[in-house]
Structures are given as C-alpha cells and as structure tokens.
All heavy atoms as atom14 arrays in JSON, in Angstrom:
{
  "sequence": "ALKKYFGAQDGLTSFSADFRALNPFSGPVDLGFVSWSKDDAWV",
  "atom14_mask": [
    [1, 1, 1, 1, 1, 0, 0, 0, 0, 0, 0, 0, 0, 0],
    [1, 1, 1, 1, 1, 1, 1, 1, 0, 0, 0, 0, 0, 0],
    [1, 1, 1, 1, 1, 1, 1, 1, 1, 0, 0, 0, 0, 0],
    [1, 1, 1, 1, 1, 1, 1, 1, 1, 0, 0, 0, 0, 0],
    [1, 1, 1, 1, 1, 1, 1, 1, 1, 1, 1, 1, 0, 0],
    [1, 1, 1, 1, 1, 1, 1, 1, 1, 1, 1, 0, 0, 0],
    [1, 1, 1, 1, 0, 0, 0, 0, 0, 0, 0, 0, 0, 0],
    [1, 1, 1, 1, 1, 0, 0, 0, 0, 0, 0, 0, 0, 0],
    [1, 1, 1, 1, 1, 1, 1, 1, 1, 0, 0, 0, 0, 0],
    [1, 1, 1, 1, 1, 1, 1, 1, 0, 0, 0, 0, 0, 0],
    [1, 1, 1, 1, 0, 0, 0, 0, 0, 0, 0, 0, 0, 0],
    [1, 1, 1, 1, 1, 1, 1, 1, 0, 0, 0, 0, 0, 0],
    [1, 1, 1, 1, 1, 1, 1, 0, 0, 0, 0, 0, 0, 0],
    [1, 1, 1, 1, 1, 1, 0, 0, 0, 0, 0, 0, 0, 0],
    [1, 1, 1, 1, 1, 1, 1, 1, 1, 1, 1, 0, 0, 0],
    [1, 1, 1, 1, 1, 1, 0, 0, 0, 0, 0, 0, 0, 0],
    [1, 1, 1, 1, 1, 0, 0, 0, 0, 0, 0, 0, 0, 0],
    [1, 1, 1, 1, 1, 1, 1, 1, 0, 0, 0, 0, 0, 0],
    [1, 1, 1, 1, 1, 1, 1, 1, 1, 1, 1, 0, 0, 0],
    [1, 1, 1, 1, 1, 1, 1, 1, 1, 1, 1, 0, 0, 0],
    [1, 1, 1, 1, 1, 0, 0, 0, 0, 0, 0, 0, 0, 0],
    [1, 1, 1, 1, 1, 1, 1, 1, 0, 0, 0, 0, 0, 0],
    [1, 1, 1, 1, 1, 1, 1, 1, 0, 0, 0, 0, 0, 0],
    [1, 1, 1, 1, 1, 1, 1, 0, 0, 0, 0, 0, 0, 0],
    [1, 1, 1, 1, 1, 1, 1, 1, 1, 1, 1, 0, 0, 0],
    [1, 1, 1, 1, 1, 1, 0, 0, 0, 0, 0, 0, 0, 0],
    [1, 1, 1, 1, 0, 0, 0, 0, 0, 0, 0, 0, 0, 0],
    [1, 1, 1, 1, 1, 1, 1, 0, 0, 0, 0, 0, 0, 0],
    [1, 1, 1, 1, 1, 1, 1, 0, 0, 0, 0, 0, 0, 0],
    [1, 1, 1, 1, 1, 1, 1, 1, 0, 0, 0, 0, 0, 0],
    [1, 1, 1, 1, 1, 1, 1, 1, 0, 0, 0, 0, 0, 0],
    [1, 1, 1, 1, 0, 0, 0, 0, 0, 0, 0, 0, 0, 0],
    [1, 1, 1, 1, 1, 1, 1, 1, 1, 1, 1, 0, 0, 0],
    [1, 1, 1, 1, 1, 1, 1, 0, 0, 0, 0, 0, 0, 0],
    [1, 1, 1, 1, 1, 1, 0, 0, 0, 0, 0, 0, 0, 0],
    [1, 1, 1, 1, 1, 1, 1, 1, 1, 1, 1, 1, 1, 1],
    [1, 1, 1, 1, 1, 1, 0, 0, 0, 0, 0, 0, 0, 0],
    [1, 1, 1, 1, 1, 1, 1, 1, 1, 0, 0, 0, 0, 0],
    [1, 1, 1, 1, 1, 1, 1, 1, 0, 0, 0, 0, 0, 0],
    [1, 1, 1, 1, 1, 1, 1, 1, 0, 0, 0, 0, 0, 0],
    [1, 1, 1, 1, 1, 0, 0, 0, 0, 0, 0, 0, 0, 0],
    [1, 1, 1, 1, 1, 1, 1, 1, 1, 1, 1, 1, 1, 1],
    [1, 1, 1, 1, 1, 1, 1, 0, 0, 0, 0, 0, 0, 0]
  ],
  "atom14_positions": [
    [[17.22, 9.73, -40.89], [18.32, 10.52, -40.46], [19.21, 9.76, -39.39], [20.35, 9.96, -39.3], [17.96, 11.86, -39.68], [0.0, 0.0, 0.0], [0.0, 0.0, 0.0], [0.0, 0.0, 0.0], [0.0, 0.0, 0.0], [0.0, 0.0, 0.0], [0.0, 0.0, 0.0], [0.0, 0.0, 0.0], [0.0, 0.0, 0.0], [0.0, 0.0, 0.0]],
    [[18.63, 8.77, -38.71], [19.4, 8.01, -37.76], [19.45, 6.61, -38.26], [19.73, 5.66, -37.43], [18.6, 8.04, -36.5], [18.56, 9.38, -35.73], [17.69, 9.41, -34.49], [19.91, 10.06, -35.38], [0.0, 0.0, 0.0], [0.0, 0.0, 0.0], [0.0, 0.0, 0.0], [0.0, 0.0, 0.0], [0.0, 0.0, 0.0], [0.0, 0.0, 0.0]],
    [[19.37, 6.33, -39.54], [19.47, 4.95, -39.99], [20.77, 4.32, -39.74], [20.81, 3.11, -39.48], [19.2, 5.08, -41.49], [19.15, 3.61, -42.17], [18.77, 3.73, -43.58], [18.67, 2.23, -44.18], [18.32, 2.17, -45.64], [0.0, 0.0, 0.0], [0.0, 0.0, 0.0], [0.0, 0.0, 0.0], [0.0, 0.0, 0.0], [0.0, 0.0, 0.0]],
    [[21.85, 5.03, -39.72], [23.2, 4.56, -39.41], [23.21, 3.79, -37.99], [23.94, 3.06, -37.82], [24.22, 5.79, -39.43], [25.55, 5.27, -38.96], [26.52, 6.51, -38.98], [27.9, 6.08, -38.4], [28.76, 7.28, -38.5], [0.0, 0.0, 0.0], [0.0, 0.0, 0.0], [0.0, 0.0, 0.0], [0.0, 0.0, 0.0], [0.0, 0.0, 0.0]],
    [[22.44, 4.36, -37.06], [22.41, 3.67, -35.71], [21.29, 2.74, -35.49], [21.49, 1.7, -34.94], [22.3, 4.91, -34.64], [23.39, 5.94, -34.83], [23.11, 7.23, -35.44], [24.71, 5.74, -34.34], [24.13, 8.08, -35.54], [25.7, 6.63, -34.38], [25.41, 7.87, -35.05], [26.4, 8.84, -35.26], [0.0, 0.0, 0.0], [0.0, 0.0, 0.0]],
    [[20.18, 3.02, -35.95], [18.85, 2.28, -35.68], [18.35, 1.43, -36.83], [17.4, 0.81, -36.65], [17.94, 3.1, -34.91], [18.39, 3.9, -33.71], [18.42, 5.26, -33.82], [18.88, 3.12, -32.61], [18.82, 5.93, -32.67], [19.37, 3.79, -31.54], [19.41, 5.19, -31.52], [0.0, 0.0, 0.0], [0.0, 0.0, 0.0], [0.0, 0.0, 0.0]],
    [[18.91, 1.67, -37.99], [18.45, 0.98, -39.23], [17.16, 1.38, -39.66], [16.68, 0.78, -40.71], [0.0, 0.0, 0.0], [0.0, 0.0, 0.0], [0.0, 0.0, 0.0], [0.0, 0.0, 0.0], [0.0, 0.0, 0.0], [0.0, 0.0, 0.0], [0.0, 0.0, 0.0], [0.0, 0.0, 0.0], [0.0, 0.0, 0.0], [0.0, 0.0, 0.0]],
    [[16.61, 2.52, -39.32], [15.24, 3.12, -39.78], [14.21, 2.02, -39.88], [14.0, 1.27, -38.89], [15.46, 3.73, -41.14], [0.0, 0.0, 0.0], [0.0, 0.0, 0.0], [0.0, 0.0, 0.0], [0.0, 0.0, 0.0], [0.0, 0.0, 0.0], [0.0, 0.0, 0.0], [0.0, 0.0, 0.0], [0.0, 0.0, 0.0], [0.0, 0.0, 0.0]],
    [[13.47, 1.89, -40.94], [12.28, 1.0, -41.0], [12.8, -0.34, -41.21], [12.06, -1.37, -41.02], [11.41, 1.34, -42.2], [10.67, 2.67, -41.93], [9.82, 2.69, -40.63], [9.18, 1.74, -40.41], [9.9, 3.79, -40.07], [0.0, 0.0, 0.0], [0.0, 0.0, 0.0], [0.0, 0.0, 0.0], [0.0, 0.0, 0.0], [0.0, 0.0, 0.0]],
    [[13.99, -0.65, -41.61], [14.68, -2.06, -41.72], [14.97, -2.61, -40.36], [15.08, -3.81, -40.32], [15.87, -1.88, -42.61], [15.48, -1.52, -44.09], [14.48, -1.8, -44.53], [16.5, -0.93, -44.76], [0.0, 0.0, 0.0], [0.0, 0.0, 0.0], [0.0, 0.0, 0.0], [0.0, 0.0, 0.0], [0.0, 0.0, 0.0], [0.0, 0.0, 0.0]],
    [[15.2, -1.77, -39.4], [15.58, -2.19, -38.11], [16.99, -2.79, -37.98], [17.81, -2.48, -38.82], [0.0, 0.0, 0.0], [0.0, 0.0, 0.0], [0.0, 0.0, 0.0], [0.0, 0.0, 0.0], [0.0, 0.0, 0.0], [0.0, 0.0, 0.0], [0.0, 0.0, 0.0], [0.0, 0.0, 0.0], [0.0, 0.0, 0.0], [0.0, 0.0, 0.0]],
    [[17.18, -3.51, -36.88], [18.58, -4.04, -36.57], [18.4, -5.5, -36.45], [17.54, -6.15, -36.04], [19.1, -3.44, -35.24], [19.33, -1.94, -35.29], [19.7, -1.46, -33.79], [20.47, -1.63, -36.25], [0.0, 0.0, 0.0], [0.0, 0.0, 0.0], [0.0, 0.0, 0.0], [0.0, 0.0, 0.0], [0.0, 0.0, 0.0], [0.0, 0.0, 0.0]],
    [[19.56, -6.22, -36.85], [19.58, -7.69, -36.81], [21.02, -8.05, -36.31], [21.83, -7.19, -36.03], [19.34, -8.51, -38.13], [20.21, -7.86, -39.1], [17.93, -8.12, -38.51], [0.0, 0.0, 0.0], [0.0, 0.0, 0.0], [0.0, 0.0, 0.0], [0.0, 0.0, 0.0], [0.0, 0.0, 0.0], [0.0, 0.0, 0.0], [0.0, 0.0, 0.0]],
    [[21.43, -9.3, -36.08], [22.59, -9.89, -35.8], [23.14, -9.53, -34.47], [24.26, -9.01, -34.34], [23.65, -9.44, -36.92], [23.21, -9.94, -38.08], [0.0, 0.0, 0.0], [0.0, 0.0, 0.0], [0.0, 0.0, 0.0], [0.0, 0.0, 0.0], [0.0, 0.0, 0.0], [0.0, 0.0, 0.0], [0.0, 0.0, 0.0], [0.0, 0.0, 0.0]],
    [[22.2, -9.56, -33.48], [22.65, -9.03, -32.05], [22.38, -10.12, -31.07], [22.74, -10.05, -29.85], [21.93, -7.8, -31.67], [20.5, -7.98, -31.69], [19.75, -8.56, -30.75], [19.81, -7.33, -32.75], [18.38, -8.62, -30.96], [18.45, -7.47, -32.99], [17.72, -8.03, -31.99], [0.0, 0.0, 0.0], [0.0, 0.0, 0.0], [0.0, 0.0, 0.0]],
    [[21.94, -11.38, -31.44], [21.46, -12.39, -30.43], [22.4, -13.46, -30.32], [21.95, -14.59, -29.69], [20.03, -12.78, -30.79], [19.93, -13.36, -32.08], [0.0, 0.0, 0.0], [0.0, 0.0, 0.0], [0.0, 0.0, 0.0], [0.0, 0.0, 0.0], [0.0, 0.0, 0.0], [0.0, 0.0, 0.0], [0.0, 0.0, 0.0], [0.0, 0.0, 0.0]],
    [[23.6, -13.43, -30.85], [24.51, -14.63, -30.83], [24.77, -15.0, -29.45], [24.85, -16.25, -29.09], [25.7, -14.31, -31.68], [0.0, 0.0, 0.0], [0.0, 0.0, 0.0], [0.0, 0.0, 0.0], [0.0, 0.0, 0.0], [0.0, 0.0, 0.0], [0.0, 0.0, 0.0], [0.0, 0.0, 0.0], [0.0, 0.0, 0.0], [0.0, 0.0, 0.0]],
    [[25.04, -14.08, -28.58], [25.41, -14.36, -27.14], [24.24, -14.97, -26.41], [24.53, -15.93, -25.7], [25.82, -13.02, -26.47], [27.07, -12.53, -26.81], [27.88, -13.26, -27.48], [27.54, -11.3, -26.45], [0.0, 0.0, 0.0], [0.0, 0.0, 0.0], [0.0, 0.0, 0.0], [0.0, 0.0, 0.0], [0.0, 0.0, 0.0], [0.0, 0.0, 0.0]],
    [[23.13, -14.58, -26.76], [21.9, -15.35, -26.07], [21.73, -16.68, -26.66], [21.55, -17.66, -25.76], [20.7, -14.5, -26.4], [19.46, -15.01, -25.91], [19.02, -14.92, -24.52], [18.49, -15.59, -26.76], [17.92, -15.51, -24.03], [17.31, -16.17, -26.19], [17.07, -16.17, -24.92], [0.0, 0.0, 0.0], [0.0, 0.0, 0.0], [0.0, 0.0, 0.0]],
    [[21.86, -16.84, -27.83], [21.5, -18.2, -28.5], [22.76, -19.08, -28.12], [22.6, -20.33, -28.16], [21.33, -17.98, -29.97], [20.11, -17.26, -30.37], [19.9, -17.33, -31.82], [18.44, -16.82, -32.06], [17.9, -16.82, -33.28], [18.42, -17.32, -34.25], [16.71, -16.19, -33.43], [0.0, 0.0, 0.0], [0.0, 0.0, 0.0], [0.0, 0.0, 0.0]],
    [[23.9, -18.67, -27.82], [25.04, -19.53, -27.52], [24.77, -20.19, -26.09], [25.38, -21.25, -25.94], [26.36, -18.59, -27.35], [0.0, 0.0, 0.0], [0.0, 0.0, 0.0], [0.0, 0.0, 0.0], [0.0, 0.0, 0.0], [0.0, 0.0, 0.0], [0.0, 0.0, 0.0], [0.0, 0.0, 0.0], [0.0, 0.0, 0.0], [0.0, 0.0, 0.0]],
    [[23.89, -19.77, -25.24], [23.57, -20.34, -23.97], [22.38, -21.31, -24.07], [22.07, -21.87, -23.2], [23.27, -19.23, -23.17], [24.25, -18.24, -22.64], [23.84, -17.18, -21.75], [25.49, -18.93, -22.17], [0.0, 0.0, 0.0], [0.0, 0.0, 0.0], [0.0, 0.0, 0.0], [0.0, 0.0, 0.0], [0.0, 0.0, 0.0], [0.0, 0.0, 0.0]],
    [[21.9, -21.48, -25.39], [20.77, -22.4, -25.5], [21.01, -23.77, -25.15], [21.9, -24.5, -25.65], [20.35, -22.37, -27.06], [19.03, -22.96, -27.33], [18.46, -23.77, -26.54], [18.5, -22.74, -28.44], [0.0, 0.0, 0.0], [0.0, 0.0, 0.0], [0.0, 0.0, 0.0], [0.0, 0.0, 0.0], [0.0, 0.0, 0.0], [0.0, 0.0, 0.0]],
    [[20.22, -24.28, -24.17], [20.49, -25.63, -23.67], [19.9, -26.72, -24.51], [20.14, -27.99, -24.34], [19.78, -25.72, -22.38], [18.65, -24.79, -22.41], [19.22, -23.7, -23.32], [0.0, 0.0, 0.0], [0.0, 0.0, 0.0], [0.0, 0.0, 0.0], [0.0, 0.0, 0.0], [0.0, 0.0, 0.0], [0.0, 0.0, 0.0], [0.0, 0.0, 0.0]],
    [[19.09, -26.36, -25.5], [18.4, -27.3, -26.27], [19.25, -27.6, -27.62], [19.74, -26.62, -28.26], [16.99, -26.77, -26.72], [16.11, -26.39, -25.61], [15.85, -25.1, -25.26], [15.54, -27.5, -24.78], [14.94, -24.93, -24.18], [14.75, -27.2, -23.68], [14.47, -25.85, -23.3], [0.0, 0.0, 0.0], [0.0, 0.0, 0.0], [0.0, 0.0, 0.0]],
    [[19.23, -28.87, -27.93], [20.11, -29.28, -29.16], [19.06, -29.37, -30.33], [19.74, -29.64, -31.48], [20.87, -30.44, -28.9], [19.8, -31.62, -28.56], [0.0, 0.0, 0.0], [0.0, 0.0, 0.0], [0.0, 0.0, 0.0], [0.0, 0.0, 0.0], [0.0, 0.0, 0.0], [0.0, 0.0, 0.0], [0.0, 0.0, 0.0], [0.0, 0.0, 0.0]],
    [[17.87, -29.4, -30.18], [17.01, -29.53, -31.27], [15.52, -29.09, -30.95], [15.42, -28.48, -29.91], [0.0, 0.0, 0.0], [0.0, 0.0, 0.0], [0.0, 0.0, 0.0], [0.0, 0.0, 0.0], [0.0, 0.0, 0.0], [0.0, 0.0, 0.0], [0.0, 0.0, 0.0], [0.0, 0.0, 0.0], [0.0, 0.0, 0.0], [0.0, 0.0, 0.0]],
    [[14.54, -29.14, -31.75], [13.27, -28.8, -31.48], [12.71, -29.51, -30.29], [12.98, -30.56, -29.82], [12.43, -29.24, -32.7], [13.39, -29.41, -33.84], [14.75, -29.85, -33.18], [0.0, 0.0, 0.0], [0.0, 0.0, 0.0], [0.0, 0.0, 0.0], [0.0, 0.0, 0.0], [0.0, 0.0, 0.0], [0.0, 0.0, 0.0], [0.0, 0.0, 0.0]],
    [[11.78, -28.71, -29.51], [11.16, -29.33, -28.37], [9.75, -29.49, -28.67], [8.88, -28.72, -28.98], [11.24, -28.19, -27.23], [10.6, -28.65, -26.02], [12.7, -27.89, -26.85], [0.0, 0.0, 0.0], [0.0, 0.0, 0.0], [0.0, 0.0, 0.0], [0.0, 0.0, 0.0], [0.0, 0.0, 0.0], [0.0, 0.0, 0.0], [0.0, 0.0, 0.0]],
    [[9.27, -30.84, -28.28], [7.96, -31.21, -28.55], [7.35, -31.68, -27.23], [7.88, -32.78, -26.68], [7.81, -32.36, -29.57], [6.43, -32.67, -30.12], [5.6, -32.16, -29.35], [6.19, -33.39, -30.95], [0.0, 0.0, 0.0], [0.0, 0.0, 0.0], [0.0, 0.0, 0.0], [0.0, 0.0, 0.0], [0.0, 0.0, 0.0], [0.0, 0.0, 0.0]],
    [[6.31, -31.0, -26.65], [5.72, -31.48, -25.42], [4.34, -32.22, -25.63], [3.7, -32.38, -24.72], [5.52, -30.22, -24.58], [6.7, -29.32, -24.17], [6.35, -28.18, -23.34], [7.78, -30.19, -23.46], [0.0, 0.0, 0.0], [0.0, 0.0, 0.0], [0.0, 0.0, 0.0], [0.0, 0.0, 0.0], [0.0, 0.0, 0.0], [0.0, 0.0, 0.0]],
    [[4.07, -32.64, -26.85], [3.0, -33.31, -27.1], [1.92, -32.35, -27.75], [1.54, -32.41, -28.84], [0.0, 0.0, 0.0], [0.0, 0.0, 0.0], [0.0, 0.0, 0.0], [0.0, 0.0, 0.0], [0.0, 0.0, 0.0], [0.0, 0.0, 0.0], [0.0, 0.0, 0.0], [0.0, 0.0, 0.0], [0.0, 0.0, 0.0], [0.0, 0.0, 0.0]],
    [[1.46, -31.36, -26.96], [0.35, -30.53, -27.21], [0.91, -29.14, -27.87], [0.28, -28.45, -28.53], [-0.6, -30.25, -26.14], [0.0, -29.53, -25.03], [-0.19, -28.1, -24.74], [0.83, -30.16, -24.01], [0.47, -27.43, -23.73], [1.39, -29.56, -23.01], [1.24, -28.13, -22.83], [0.0, 0.0, 0.0], [0.0, 0.0, 0.0], [0.0, 0.0, 0.0]],
    [[2.21, -29.0, -27.57], [2.91, -27.84, -28.2], [4.32, -28.16, -28.64], [4.83, -29.09, -28.11], [3.06, -26.54, -27.26], [1.57, -26.06, -26.94], [3.63, -27.05, -25.93], [0.0, 0.0, 0.0], [0.0, 0.0, 0.0], [0.0, 0.0, 0.0], [0.0, 0.0, 0.0], [0.0, 0.0, 0.0], [0.0, 0.0, 0.0], [0.0, 0.0, 0.0]],
    [[4.83, -27.47, -29.57], [6.23, -27.83, -30.13], [6.86, -26.38, -30.52], [6.15, -25.52, -31.04], [6.19, -28.73, -31.2], [5.5, -28.35, -32.27], [0.0, 0.0, 0.0], [0.0, 0.0, 0.0], [0.0, 0.0, 0.0], [0.0, 0.0, 0.0], [0.0, 0.0, 0.0], [0.0, 0.0, 0.0], [0.0, 0.0, 0.0], [0.0, 0.0, 0.0]],
    [[7.97, -26.27, -30.24], [8.86, -24.98, -30.66], [10.15, -25.43, -31.39], [10.68, -26.48, -31.0], [9.08, -24.12, -29.45], [7.83, -23.6, -28.91], [7.14, -22.59, -29.34], [7.19, -23.78, -27.66], [6.06, -22.22, -28.63], [6.16, -22.98, -27.52], [7.52, -24.64, -26.63], [5.31, -22.99, -26.32], [6.69, -24.85, -25.51], [5.71, -24.0, -25.3]],
    [[10.71, -24.55, -32.14], [12.01, -24.88, -32.66], [12.99, -24.67, -31.53], [12.65, -24.18, -30.5], [12.37, -23.8, -33.75], [12.36, -22.5, -33.24], [0.0, 0.0, 0.0], [0.0, 0.0, 0.0], [0.0, 0.0, 0.0], [0.0, 0.0, 0.0], [0.0, 0.0, 0.0], [0.0, 0.0, 0.0], [0.0, 0.0, 0.0], [0.0, 0.0, 0.0]],
    [[14.28, -24.91, -31.84], [15.32, -24.85, -30.89], [15.44, -23.43, -30.24], [15.44, -23.26, -29.02], [16.58, -25.39, -31.35], [17.77, -25.27, -30.39], [19.12, -25.74, -31.06], [19.46, -24.76, -32.07], [21.03, -25.09, -32.57], [0.0, 0.0, 0.0], [0.0, 0.0, 0.0], [0.0, 0.0, 0.0], [0.0, 0.0, 0.0], [0.0, 0.0, 0.0]],
    [[15.5, -22.47, -31.16], [15.65, -21.12, -30.71], [14.43, -20.47, -30.01], [14.54, -19.85, -28.93], [16.04, -20.22, -31.92], [17.32, -20.49, -32.52], [18.34, -20.9, -31.66], [17.56, -20.36, -33.73], [0.0, 0.0, 0.0], [0.0, 0.0, 0.0], [0.0, 0.0, 0.0], [0.0, 0.0, 0.0], [0.0, 0.0, 0.0], [0.0, 0.0, 0.0]],
    [[13.29, -20.84, -30.48], [12.0, -20.37, -29.82], [11.82, -21.11, -28.44], [11.37, -20.33, -27.54], [10.8, -20.86, -30.67], [10.65, -19.9, -31.76], [11.25, -18.8, -31.89], [9.83, -20.15, -32.71], [0.0, 0.0, 0.0], [0.0, 0.0, 0.0], [0.0, 0.0, 0.0], [0.0, 0.0, 0.0], [0.0, 0.0, 0.0], [0.0, 0.0, 0.0]],
    [[12.2, -22.23, -28.32], [12.21, -22.99, -27.07], [13.04, -22.32, -25.99], [12.58, -22.14, -24.89], [12.53, -24.36, -27.18], [0.0, 0.0, 0.0], [0.0, 0.0, 0.0], [0.0, 0.0, 0.0], [0.0, 0.0, 0.0], [0.0, 0.0, 0.0], [0.0, 0.0, 0.0], [0.0, 0.0, 0.0], [0.0, 0.0, 0.0], [0.0, 0.0, 0.0]],
    [[14.25, -21.84, -26.46], [15.11, -21.1, -25.49], [14.51, -19.89, -25.08], [14.69, -19.48, -23.96], [16.44, -21.1, -26.11], [17.48, -20.23, -25.42], [18.42, -19.41, -25.97], [17.83, -20.11, -24.1], [19.2, -18.76, -24.96], [18.92, -19.24, -23.86], [17.23, -20.89, -23.0], [19.43, -19.11, -22.56], [17.79, -20.7, -21.66], [18.89, -19.78, -21.47]],
    [[13.89, -19.11, -26.03], [13.34, -17.82, -25.65], [12.07, -18.01, -24.74], [11.91, -17.27, -23.82], [12.76, -17.06, -26.95], [11.92, -15.86, -26.53], [13.94, -16.7, -27.83], [0.0, 0.0, 0.0], [0.0, 0.0, 0.0], [0.0, 0.0, 0.0], [0.0, 0.0, 0.0], [0.0, 0.0, 0.0], [0.0, 0.0, 0.0], [0.0, 0.0, 0.0]]
  ]
}
C-alpha cells in the first residue's frame, strides 16, 4: 500500500549521490591485508 513512498519489498535506491560525491578516494584502497573498492573505502 505504501510502495509509492518506500518501494515495498524492492526498497529504495539512487539516493547516495551526494555522499559519494565527497569520496576522497580515486580508486580501490589496498592496505595489504585488506582491500576495498572506492565506494566501500569511503563508507
């Protein structure tokens, strides 16, 4: 009934552009024993 607002079981996407725009990393981050993609490293 509220799918118009909250997307029901499909959920919501396309809201993180402002957050990712502040990402200081230009590529994947590798610390040797761990590594993350650019977006995961920023999170």
